[in-house]
C-alpha atoms as a PDB file:
ATOM      1  CA  MET A   1       4.980 228.336  -7.055  1.00  0.00           C
ATOM      2  CA  GLY A   2       1.748 226.582  -8.486  1.00  0.00           C
ATOM      3  CA  ASP A   3      -0.002 229.729  -8.223  1.00  0.00           C
ATOM      4  CA  LYS A   4       2.616 232.072  -9.510  1.00  0.00           C
ATOM      5  CA  TRP A   5       3.223 229.783 -12.597  1.00  0.00           C
ATOM      6  CA  LEU A   6      -0.132 230.042 -13.472  1.00  0.00           C
ATOM      7  CA  TYR A   7      -0.472 234.047 -12.853  1.00  0.00           C
ATOM      8  CA  LEU A   8       2.822 234.616 -14.959  1.00  0.00           C
ATOM      9  CA  TYR A   9       2.854 231.840 -17.657  1.00  0.00           C
ATOM     10  CA  TYR A  10      -0.390 230.458 -18.550  1.00  0.00           C
ATOM     11  CA  PRO A  11      -1.710 233.973 -19.640  1.00  0.00           C
ATOM     12  CA  TRP A  12       0.890 234.872 -22.151  1.00  0.00           C
ATOM     13  CA  MET A  13       0.607 231.811 -23.270  1.00  0.00           C
ATOM     14  CA  GLN A  14      -3.094 232.469 -24.133  1.00  0.00           C
ATOM     15  CA  VAL A  15      -1.641 235.643 -25.395  1.00  0.00           C
ATOM     16  CA  LYS A  16       0.549 233.904 -27.548  1.00  0.00           C
ATOM     17  CA  ARG A  17      -1.925 231.609 -29.218  1.00  0.00           C
ATOM     18  CA  LYS A  18      -4.466 234.764 -30.142  1.00  0.00           C
ATOM     19  CA  ILE A  19      -1.232 236.702 -31.509  1.00  0.00           C
ATOM     20  CA  PHE A  20      -0.263 234.290 -33.529  1.00  0.00           C
ATOM     21  CA  SER A  21      -3.545 233.601 -35.378  1.00  0.00           C
ATOM     22  CA  ILE A  22      -4.723 233.846 -38.819  1.00  0.00           C
ATOM     23  CA  LYS A  23      -7.659 236.060 -36.885  1.00  0.00           C
ATOM     24  CA  TYR A  24      -4.943 238.470 -35.427  1.00  0.00           C
ATOM     25  CA  LEU A  25      -2.842 238.638 -38.855  1.00  0.00           C
ATOM     26  CA  THR A  26      -6.080 239.394 -40.566  1.00  0.00           C
ATOM     27  CA  ILE A  27      -6.905 242.672 -37.992  1.00  0.00           C
ATOM     28  CA  ILE A  28      -3.415 243.572 -38.308  1.00  0.00           C
ATOM     29  CA  LEU A  29      -3.712 243.380 -42.509  1.00  0.00           C
ATOM     30  CA  LEU A  30      -7.015 245.533 -42.076  1.00  0.00           C
ATOM     31  CA  ILE A  31      -5.798 248.352 -39.996  1.00  0.00           C
ATOM     32  CA  GLY A  32      -2.854 248.603 -42.459  1.00  0.00           C
ATOM     33  CA  PHE A  33      -5.322 248.564 -45.194  1.00  0.00           C
ATOM     34  CA  ILE A  34      -7.119 251.582 -43.818  1.00  0.00           C
ATOM     35  CA  SER A  35      -4.310 253.347 -42.702  1.00  0.00           C
ATOM     36  CA  VAL A  36      -2.823 253.043 -46.201  1.00  0.00           C
ATOM     37  CA  LEU A  37      -5.883 254.614 -47.444  1.00  0.00           C
ATOM     38  CA  TYR A  38      -5.988 257.640 -44.882  1.00  0.00           C
ATOM     39  CA  THR A  39      -2.801 258.639 -45.646  1.00  0.00           C
ATOM     40  CA  ALA A  40      -2.698 258.468 -49.435  1.00  0.00           C
ATOM     41  CA  ASN A  41      -2.770 262.299 -49.846  1.00  0.00           C
ATOM     42  CA  LEU A  42      -0.413 262.651 -46.852  1.00  0.00           C
ATOM     43  CA  ARG A  43       2.395 260.768 -48.820  1.00  0.00           C
ATOM     44  CA  LYS A  44       1.739 262.637 -51.806  1.00  0.00           C
ATOM     45  CA  MET A  45       1.820 265.915 -49.746  1.00  0.00           C
ATOM     46  CA  CYS A  46       5.632 264.595 -48.757  1.00  0.00           C
ATOM     47  CA  TYR A  47       6.750 263.583 -52.244  1.00  0.00           C
ATOM     48  CA  LEU A  48       5.864 266.923 -53.595  1.00  0.00           C
ATOM     49  CA  THR A  49       7.269 268.963 -50.902  1.00  0.00           C
ATOM     50  CA  GLY A  50       9.947 266.812 -49.893  1.00  0.00           C
ATOM     51  CA  SER A  51       9.426 267.054 -46.360  1.00  0.00           C
ATOM     52  CA  ALA A  52       8.844 263.672 -43.817  1.00  0.00           C
ATOM     53  CA  VAL A  53       6.294 263.288 -41.538  1.00  0.00           C
ATOM     54  CA  ALA A  54       6.380 262.677 -37.806  1.00  0.00           C
ATOM     55  CA  PRO A  55       5.085 259.518 -36.747  1.00  0.00           C
ATOM     56  CA  TRP A  56       2.535 260.613 -34.535  1.00  0.00           C
ATOM     57  CA  LEU A  57      -0.621 260.210 -36.207  1.00  0.00           C
ATOM     58  CA  LEU A  58      -2.414 257.450 -34.779  1.00  0.00           C
ATOM     59  CA  PRO A  59      -4.684 259.856 -32.382  1.00  0.00           C
ATOM     60  CA  PHE A  60      -5.387 261.835 -35.615  1.00  0.00           C
ATOM     61  CA  PHE A  61      -6.914 259.039 -37.085  1.00  0.00           C
ATOM     62  CA  LEU A  62      -8.718 257.887 -34.061  1.00  0.00           C
ATOM     63  CA  SER A  63     -10.676 261.393 -34.249  1.00  0.00           C
ATOM     64  CA  LEU A  64     -12.002 260.174 -37.303  1.00  0.00           C
ATOM     65  CA  ASN A  65     -15.578 258.427 -36.603  1.00  0.00           C
ATOM     66  CA  PHE A  66     -15.278 255.688 -39.418  1.00  0.00           C
ATOM     67  CA  TYR A  67     -11.518 254.633 -38.376  1.00  0.00           C
ATOM     68  CA  SER A  68     -12.447 254.348 -35.027  1.00  0.00           C
ATOM     69  CA  MET A  69     -15.470 252.690 -35.402  1.00  0.00           C
ATOM     70  CA  ILE A  70     -13.647 250.017 -37.800  1.00  0.00           C
ATOM     71  CA  TYR A  71     -10.856 249.794 -35.008  1.00  0.00           C
ATOM     72  CA  CYS A  72     -13.287 249.139 -32.078  1.00  0.00           C
ATOM     73  CA  ALA A  73     -14.804 246.836 -34.641  1.00  0.00           C
ATOM     74  CA  LEU A  74     -11.804 244.881 -35.237  1.00  0.00           C
ATOM     75  CA  TYR A  75     -11.192 244.782 -31.366  1.00  0.00           C
ATOM     76  CA  MET A  76     -14.498 243.238 -30.952  1.00  0.00           C
ATOM     77  CA  TYR A  77     -14.006 240.416 -33.688  1.00  0.00           C
ATOM     78  CA  PHE A  78     -10.382 240.100 -31.830  1.00  0.00           C
ATOM     79  CA  TYR A  79     -12.508 238.813 -28.511  1.00  0.00           C
ATOM     80  CA  SER A  80     -15.235 237.442 -30.133  1.00  0.00           C
ATOM     81  CA  ASP A  81     -14.377 233.788 -29.206  1.00  0.00           C
ATOM     82  CA  ALA A  82     -15.122 234.794 -25.841  1.00  0.00           C
ATOM     83  CA  PRO A  83     -15.791 233.025 -23.240  1.00  0.00           C
ATOM     84  CA  PHE A  84     -12.341 231.670 -24.326  1.00  0.00           C
ATOM     85  CA  ILE A  85     -13.367 227.861 -24.145  1.00  0.00           C
ATOM     86  CA  GLN A  86     -10.860 226.159 -26.405  1.00  0.00           C
ATOM     87  CA  ARG A  87     -10.659 222.425 -26.602  1.00  0.00           C
ATOM     88  CA  ASN A  88      -7.519 222.448 -23.607  1.00  0.00           C
ATOM     89  CA  SER A  89      -9.212 224.450 -21.874  1.00  0.00           C
ATOM     90  CA  MET A  90     -11.592 222.114 -19.854  1.00  0.00           C
ATOM     91  CA  TYR A  91      -8.213 220.237 -18.831  1.00  0.00           C
ATOM     92  CA  HIS A  92      -7.081 223.364 -17.458  1.00  0.00           C
ATOM     93  CA  VAL A  93     -10.229 224.749 -15.245  1.00  0.00           C
ATOM     94  CA  ILE A  94     -10.259 221.097 -14.054  1.00  0.00           C
ATOM     95  CA  ARG A  95      -6.784 221.330 -13.120  1.00  0.00           C
ATOM     96  CA  CYS A  96      -6.862 225.155 -11.567  1.00  0.00           C
ATOM     97  CA  GLY A  97     -10.581 225.479 -10.733  1.00  0.00           C
ATOM     98  CA  ARG A  98     -13.202 228.102 -12.126  1.00  0.00           C
ATOM     99  CA  VAL A  99     -12.037 231.355 -10.783  1.00  0.00           C
ATOM    100  CA  LYS A 100      -8.538 230.633 -11.474  1.00  0.00           C
ATOM    101  CA  TRP A 101      -8.762 230.317 -14.960  1.00  0.00           C
ATOM    102  CA  GLY A 102     -10.881 233.071 -15.076  1.00  0.00           C
ATOM    103  CA  ILE A 103      -8.718 235.224 -13.657  1.00  0.00           C
ATOM    104  CA  VAL A 104      -5.993 234.449 -16.391  1.00  0.00           C
ATOM    105  CA  GLN A 105      -8.089 235.397 -19.048  1.00  0.00           C
ATOM    106  CA  ILE A 106      -8.786 238.558 -17.432  1.00  0.00           C
ATOM    107  CA  GLU A 107      -5.076 238.765 -17.271  1.00  0.00           C
ATOM    108  CA  SER A 108      -4.900 237.472 -20.952  1.00  0.00           C
ATOM    109  CA  ILE A 109      -7.399 240.069 -22.092  1.00  0.00           C
ATOM    110  CA  ALA A 110      -5.258 243.160 -20.521  1.00  0.00           C
ATOM    111  CA  ILE A 111      -1.662 241.801 -22.093  1.00  0.00           C
ATOM    112  CA  SER A 112      -3.832 241.168 -25.353  1.00  0.00           C
ATOM    113  CA  SER A 113      -5.046 244.415 -25.629  1.00  0.00           C
ATOM    114  CA  LEU A 114      -1.847 246.191 -25.010  1.00  0.00           C
ATOM    115  CA  ILE A 115       0.078 244.348 -27.343  1.00  0.00           C
ATOM    116  CA  PHE A 116      -3.215 245.332 -30.084  1.00  0.00           C
ATOM    117  CA  ASN A 117      -2.504 248.908 -29.503  1.00  0.00           C
ATOM    118  CA  VAL A 118       1.319 249.068 -29.810  1.00  0.00           C
ATOM    119  CA  VAL A 119       1.453 246.670 -32.743  1.00  0.00           C
ATOM    120  CA  SER A 120      -1.578 248.979 -34.428  1.00  0.00           C
ATOM    121  CA  PHE A 121       0.597 251.891 -33.610  1.00  0.00           C
ATOM    122  CA  ILE A 122       3.647 250.717 -35.401  1.00  0.00           C
ATOM    123  CA  VAL A 123       1.373 249.658 -38.284  1.00  0.00           C
ATOM    124  CA  SER A 124       0.497 253.624 -38.481  1.00  0.00           C
ATOM    125  CA  ILE A 125       4.079 254.508 -38.806  1.00  0.00           C
ATOM    126  CA  ALA A 126       5.023 251.281 -41.011  1.00  0.00           C
ATOM    127  CA  VAL A 127       2.345 252.794 -43.839  1.00  0.00           C
ATOM    128  CA  LEU A 128       4.215 255.821 -43.719  1.00  0.00           C
ATOM    129  CA  VAL A 129       7.635 254.637 -45.006  1.00  0.00           C
ATOM    130  CA  PRO A 130       9.727 256.265 -46.876  1.00  0.00           C
ATOM    131  CA  TYR A 131       8.083 259.192 -45.809  1.00  0.00           C
ATOM    132  CA  VAL A 132       8.813 259.196 -41.757  1.00  0.00           C
ATOM    133  CA  ASP A 133      11.204 260.867 -39.945  1.00  0.00           C
ATOM    134  CA  PHE A 134      11.475 259.867 -36.076  1.00  0.00           C
ATOM    135  CA  GLU A 135      11.513 263.143 -34.214  1.00  0.00           C
ATOM    136  CA  THR A 136      10.690 263.707 -31.071  1.00  0.00           C
ATOM    137  CA  GLY A 137       8.515 266.731 -31.954  1.00  0.00           C
ATOM    138  CA  TRP A 138       5.556 267.097 -34.107  1.00  0.00           C
ATOM    139  CA  GLY A 139       7.794 267.947 -37.384  1.00  0.00           C
ATOM    140  CA  LYS A 140       7.086 270.546 -39.830  1.00  0.00           C
ATOM    141  CA  ILE A 141       4.566 268.699 -41.579  1.00  0.00           C
ATOM    142  CA  LEU A 142       1.874 268.198 -39.007  1.00  0.00           C
ATOM    143  CA  TYR A 143       2.520 271.941 -38.266  1.00  0.00           C
ATOM    144  CA  THR A 144       2.094 272.944 -41.795  1.00  0.00           C
ATOM    145  CA  LEU A 145      -1.524 271.212 -41.779  1.00  0.00           C
ATOM    146  CA  SER A 146      -2.421 272.682 -38.210  1.00  0.00           C
ATOM    147  CA  ARG A 147      -1.686 276.488 -38.967  1.00  0.00           C
ATOM    148  CA  THR A 148      -2.603 276.630 -42.974  1.00  0.00           C
ATOM    149  CA  ASP A 149      -5.132 275.219 -44.990  1.00  0.00           C
ATOM    150  CA  ALA A 150      -2.647 272.918 -46.793  1.00  0.00           C
ATOM    151  CA  TRP A 151      -5.031 269.906 -45.965  1.00  0.00           C
ATOM    152  CA  ARG A 152      -7.326 271.125 -48.476  1.00  0.00           C
ATOM    153  CA  SER A 153      -5.655 272.193 -50.957  1.00  0.00           C
ATOM    154  CA  TYR A 154      -3.750 267.897 -50.601  1.00  0.00           C
ATOM    155  CA  GLU A 155      -7.220 266.756 -49.313  1.00  0.00           C
ATOM    156  CA  ILE A 156      -5.925 265.204 -46.263  1.00  0.00           C
ATOM    157  CA  ALA A 157      -8.518 262.831 -44.888  1.00  0.00           C
ATOM    158  CA  PHE A 158      -8.110 263.791 -41.062  1.00  0.00           C
ATOM    159  CA  ASN A 159      -7.529 267.317 -39.086  1.00  0.00           C
ATOM    160  CA  VAL A 160      -4.551 268.519 -37.346  1.00  0.00           C
ATOM    161  CA  PRO A 161      -6.128 271.194 -34.647  1.00  0.00           C
ATOM    162  CA  TYR A 162      -3.394 273.483 -33.577  1.00  0.00           C
ATOM    163  CA  ASP A 163      -5.105 273.729 -30.164  1.00  0.00           C
ATOM    164  CA  VAL A 164      -3.195 270.290 -29.298  1.00  0.00           C
ATOM    165  CA  ILE A 165      -0.082 270.129 -30.981  1.00  0.00           C
ATOM    166  CA  GLY A 166       0.466 273.806 -29.722  1.00  0.00           C
ATOM    167  CA  LYS A 167      -0.127 272.791 -26.076  1.00  0.00           C
ATOM    168  CA  TYR A 168       0.924 269.049 -25.992  1.00  0.00           C
ATOM    169  CA  THR A 169       3.832 267.181 -26.890  1.00  0.00           C
ATOM    170  CA  PRO A 170       4.072 263.966 -28.881  1.00  0.00           C
ATOM    171  CA  LEU A 171       4.957 261.902 -25.897  1.00  0.00           C
ATOM    172  CA  GLN A 172       1.749 263.219 -24.212  1.00  0.00           C
ATOM    173  CA  VAL A 173      -0.748 262.891 -26.762  1.00  0.00           C
ATOM    174  CA  MET A 174       0.600 259.292 -27.516  1.00  0.00           C
ATOM    175  CA  THR A 175       0.598 258.375 -24.212  1.00  0.00           C
ATOM    176  CA  LEU A 176      -2.752 259.195 -23.464  1.00  0.00           C
ATOM    177  CA  THR A 177      -3.805 257.899 -26.847  1.00  0.00           C
ATOM    178  CA  LEU A 178      -2.320 254.328 -25.846  1.00  0.00           C
ATOM    179  CA  LEU A 179      -3.621 254.476 -22.289  1.00  0.00           C
ATOM    180  CA  LEU A 180      -7.280 254.936 -23.274  1.00  0.00           C
ATOM    181  CA  LEU A 181      -7.305 252.635 -26.033  1.00  0.00           C
ATOM    182  CA  TRP A 182      -5.745 249.961 -23.792  1.00  0.00           C
ATOM    183  CA  LEU A 183      -8.352 250.857 -21.506  1.00  0.00           C
ATOM    184  CA  ALA A 184     -11.190 250.334 -24.293  1.00  0.00           C
ATOM    185  CA  GLY A 185      -9.753 246.982 -25.308  1.00  0.00           C
ATOM    186  CA  ASN A 186     -10.046 246.106 -21.903  1.00  0.00           C
ATOM    187  CA  CYS A 187     -13.587 247.139 -21.699  1.00  0.00           C
ATOM    188  CA  ILE A 188     -14.406 245.356 -25.004  1.00  0.00           C
ATOM    189  CA  GLY A 189     -13.254 242.143 -24.211  1.00  0.00           C
ATOM    190  CA  LEU A 190     -14.337 241.981 -20.476  1.00  0.00           C
ATOM    191  CA  MET A 191     -17.462 243.025 -21.588  1.00  0.00           C
ATOM    192  CA  MET A 192     -18.052 240.237 -24.423  1.00  0.00           C
ATOM    193  CA  PHE A 193     -16.243 237.639 -21.689  1.00  0.00           C
ATOM    194  CA  ALA A 194     -18.834 238.731 -19.037  1.00  0.00           C
ATOM    195  CA  VAL A 195     -21.909 238.844 -21.263  1.00  0.00           C
ATOM    196  CA  SER A 196     -20.843 235.638 -23.245  1.00  0.00           C
ATOM    197  CA  LEU A 197     -20.966 233.641 -19.868  1.00  0.00           C
ATOM    198  CA  TRP A 198     -24.007 235.200 -18.501  1.00  0.00           C
ATOM    199  CA  LEU A 199     -26.109 235.647 -21.844  1.00  0.00           C
ATOM    200  CA  GLY A 200     -24.223 233.656 -24.833  1.00  0.00           C
ATOM    201  CA  ARG A 201     -21.648 234.571 -27.373  1.00  0.00           C
ATOM    202  CA  ASN A 202     -24.599 235.937 -29.986  1.00  0.00           C
ATOM    203  CA  ALA A 203     -25.437 238.577 -27.186  1.00  0.00           C
ATOM    204  CA  ALA A 204     -21.805 239.416 -26.724  1.00  0.00           C
ATOM    205  CA  VAL A 205     -21.226 240.136 -30.305  1.00  0.00           C
ATOM    206  CA  ILE A 206     -24.612 242.486 -30.630  1.00  0.00           C
ATOM    207  CA  CYS A 207     -23.554 244.231 -27.221  1.00  0.00           C
ATOM    208  CA  GLY A 208     -20.099 244.681 -29.129  1.00  0.00           C
ATOM    209  CA  SER A 209     -21.398 245.871 -32.460  1.00  0.00           C
ATOM    210  CA  ALA A 210     -23.563 248.257 -30.439  1.00  0.00           C
ATOM    211  CA  TRP A 211     -20.817 249.933 -28.565  1.00  0.00           C
ATOM    212  CA  CYS A 212     -19.017 250.290 -31.921  1.00  0.00           C
ATOM    213  CA  VAL A 213     -21.320 252.214 -33.735  1.00  0.00           C
ATOM    214  CA  LEU A 214     -22.645 254.296 -30.737  1.00  0.00           C
ATOM    215  CA  PRO A 215     -20.112 256.876 -31.112  1.00  0.00           C
ATOM    216  CA  MET A 216     -21.009 257.459 -34.773  1.00  0.00           C
ATOM    217  CA  ILE A 217     -24.946 257.819 -33.877  1.00  0.00           C
ATOM    218  CA  LEU A 218     -24.239 260.580 -30.967  1.00  0.00           C
ATOM    219  CA  GLU A 219     -22.083 262.127 -33.468  1.00  0.00           C
ATOM    220  CA  ASP A 220     -25.080 262.983 -35.774  1.00  0.00           C
ATOM    221  CA  TYR A 221     -27.085 263.703 -32.429  1.00  0.00           C
ATOM    222  CA  ILE A 222     -27.659 266.841 -32.238  1.00  0.00           C
ATOM    223  CA  SER A 223     -28.735 268.357 -29.048  1.00  0.00           C
ATOM    224  CA  VAL A 224     -28.391 269.445 -25.743  1.00  0.00           C
ATOM    225  CA  TRP A 225     -28.450 266.076 -24.573  1.00  0.00           C
ATOM    226  CA  ALA A 226     -25.679 265.066 -26.667  1.00  0.00           C
ATOM    227  CA  PRO A 227     -22.889 265.846 -24.310  1.00  0.00           C
ATOM    228  CA  PHE A 228     -24.769 263.705 -21.657  1.00  0.00           C
ATOM    229  CA  MET A 229     -25.097 260.847 -23.956  1.00  0.00           C
ATOM    230  CA  THR A 230     -21.123 260.639 -24.624  1.00  0.00           C
ATOM    231  CA  HIS A 231     -20.950 259.812 -20.480  1.00  0.00           C
ATOM    232  CA  PHE A 232     -22.515 256.337 -21.455  1.00  0.00           C
ATOM    233  CA  SER A 233     -20.451 256.044 -24.802  1.00  0.00           C
ATOM    234  CA  PRO A 234     -17.045 253.820 -23.767  1.00  0.00           C
ATOM    235  CA  LEU A 235     -15.733 253.789 -27.044  1.00  0.00           C
ATOM    236  CA  SER A 236     -16.471 257.478 -27.945  1.00  0.00           C
ATOM    237  CA  TRP A 237     -13.669 258.329 -25.116  1.00  0.00           C
ATOM    238  CA  ILE A 238     -11.228 257.319 -27.445  1.00  0.00           C
ATOM    239  CA  HIS A 239     -11.448 260.114 -29.676  1.00  0.00           C
ATOM    240  CA  VAL A 240      -8.303 261.903 -27.751  1.00  0.00           C
ATOM    241  CA  LEU A 241      -8.431 265.157 -29.689  1.00  0.00           C
ATOM    242  CA  ASP A 242     -11.943 265.887 -28.256  1.00  0.00           C
ATOM    243  CA  ILE A 243     -11.227 265.513 -24.771  1.00  0.00           C
ATOM    244  CA  GLY A 244     -11.834 269.509 -23.545  1.00  0.00           C
ATOM    245  CA  ARG A 245     -12.878 270.343 -26.854  1.00  0.00           C
ATOM    246  CA  PHE A 246     -15.955 272.530 -27.049  1.00  0.00           C
ATOM    247  CA  GLU A 247     -19.072 272.682 -29.370  1.00  0.00           C
ATOM    248  CA  TYR A 248     -21.838 275.582 -28.982  1.00  0.00           C
ATOM    249  CA  ASN A 249     -20.099 276.230 -25.582  1.00  0.00           C
ATOM    250  CA  LEU A 250     -21.066 272.378 -24.800  1.00  0.00           C
ATOM    251  CA  PRO A 251     -18.072 269.727 -23.958  1.00  0.00           C
ATOM    252  CA  VAL A 252     -17.714 267.302 -26.512  1.00  0.00           C
ATOM    253  CA  LEU A 253     -16.756 264.623 -24.375  1.00  0.00           C
ATOM    254  CA  PRO A 254     -16.931 264.373 -20.438  1.00  0.00           C
ATOM    255  CA  GLU A 255     -13.641 265.277 -18.760  1.00  0.00           C
ATOM    256  CA  LEU A 256     -10.570 262.993 -18.709  1.00  0.00           C
ATOM    257  CA  ARG A 257     -11.154 262.129 -14.701  1.00  0.00           C
ATOM    258  CA  TYR A 258     -14.413 260.628 -15.559  1.00  0.00           C
ATOM    259  CA  ILE A 259     -13.289 258.888 -18.735  1.00  0.00           C
ATOM    260  CA  LEU A 260     -10.167 256.902 -16.553  1.00  0.00           C
ATOM    261  CA  ILE A 261     -12.334 255.931 -13.559  1.00  0.00           C
ATOM    262  CA  ALA A 262     -15.078 254.737 -15.438  1.00  0.00           C
ATOM    263  CA  ASP A 263     -12.887 252.927 -17.738  1.00  0.00           C
ATOM    264  CA  VAL A 264     -11.671 251.405 -14.595  1.00  0.00           C
ATOM    265  CA  VAL A 265     -14.929 251.059 -13.062  1.00  0.00           C
ATOM    266  CA  LEU A 266     -16.507 249.179 -16.082  1.00  0.00           C
ATOM    267  CA  CYS A 267     -13.279 246.396 -16.153  1.00  0.00           C
ATOM    268  CA  VAL A 268     -13.606 245.806 -12.720  1.00  0.00           C
ATOM    269  CA  LEU A 269     -17.885 245.421 -12.817  1.00  0.00           C
ATOM    270  CA  PHE A 270     -17.321 243.160 -15.872  1.00  0.00           C
ATOM    271  CA  SER A 271     -14.390 240.794 -14.291  1.00  0.00           C
ATOM    272  CA  ALA A 272     -16.469 240.474 -11.357  1.00  0.00           C
ATOM    273  CA  ALA A 273     -19.692 239.863 -13.297  1.00  0.00           C
ATOM    274  CA  ALA A 274     -17.674 236.988 -15.071  1.00  0.00           C
ATOM    275  CA  LEU A 275     -16.148 235.685 -12.035  1.00  0.00           C
ATOM    276  CA  ILE A 276     -19.441 235.237 -10.204  1.00  0.00           C
ATOM    277  CA  LYS A 277     -21.288 233.459 -13.246  1.00  0.00           C
ATOM    278  CA  LEU A 278     -18.173 231.233 -13.786  1.00  0.00           C
ATOM    279  CA  ARG A 279     -18.670 229.676 -10.120  1.00  0.00           C
ATOM    280  CA  THR A 280     -22.316 228.197 -11.266  1.00  0.00           C
ATOM    281  CA  ILE A 281     -22.248 228.191 -15.211  1.00  0.00           C
ATOM    282  CA  ASP A 282     -22.215 224.807 -16.421  1.00  0.00           C
ATOM    283  CA  LEU A 283     -20.031 225.033 -19.172  1.00  0.00           C
ATOM    284  CA  LYS A 284     -20.979 223.474 -22.248  1.00  0.00           C
ATOM    285  CA  TRP A 285     -17.577 222.546 -24.034  1.00  0.00           C
ATOM    286  CA  SER A 286     -18.775 221.275 -27.302  1.00  0.00           C
ATOM    287  CA  SER A 287     -21.052 223.977 -28.061  1.00  0.00           C
ATOM    288  CA  GLU A 288     -18.682 226.434 -27.125  1.00  0.00           C
ATOM    289  CA  GLU A 289     -16.178 225.134 -29.391  1.00  0.00           C
ATOM    290  CA  SER A 290     -17.990 224.652 -32.221  1.00  0.00           C
END
């Protein structure tokens, strides 16, 4: 019963502490702010045409390099307190052991990443009120943007590719988007957890920052090597609309199977690295809390 309580109850307490914090409130406000900026002209289009838009906009937001970079940077900020040693952590580590405490942190990263993305999706809908129509299809507005040049007339900030909405349902695209965002969030959190234990918190922030800007660098890197380099840029893989797309007869991103396997492998490797280091590291409580 003790281990069940530890692995089922304590991770939720960790997540509750992170979610109900000023840091997370700031993150949600920033996500809402940039979402408002990117939907300003879309709301204007809805007002002028008298039509509402379907709520499935998050995948299209993430196709924008700047939006996705900010989104991942906020993820990094969310986990910037790695290795998550708080004032009461010494008591928990002593009571349950270092490895078990590390497993709890890994669980809390997975749970908080899921909540982070679900709330972000809700925010992407909330900024459209009152011009949002909760329908199961793509809706008139998105179909119009995909098949005409109305996006130029209204200066819509994002592209709506017809080959995506004509081939896939919103449920399929949103499910894949939230899955890849969840895996990416796990990778960021676990990477920062592992690196902060091995090299320190500053090194974890540097690595996280490098991960965030790498997709933008590769976007401007015009070379036959670019498709190969995207295999080593995990945060590029959240551009769901680019999966299966080709430019100059070259794939923009790796195939979906590679992305899913690579994300899982990275999560396992970072988790193992963190747990191995926890067995021997000399935890400096005072410096980590400062």
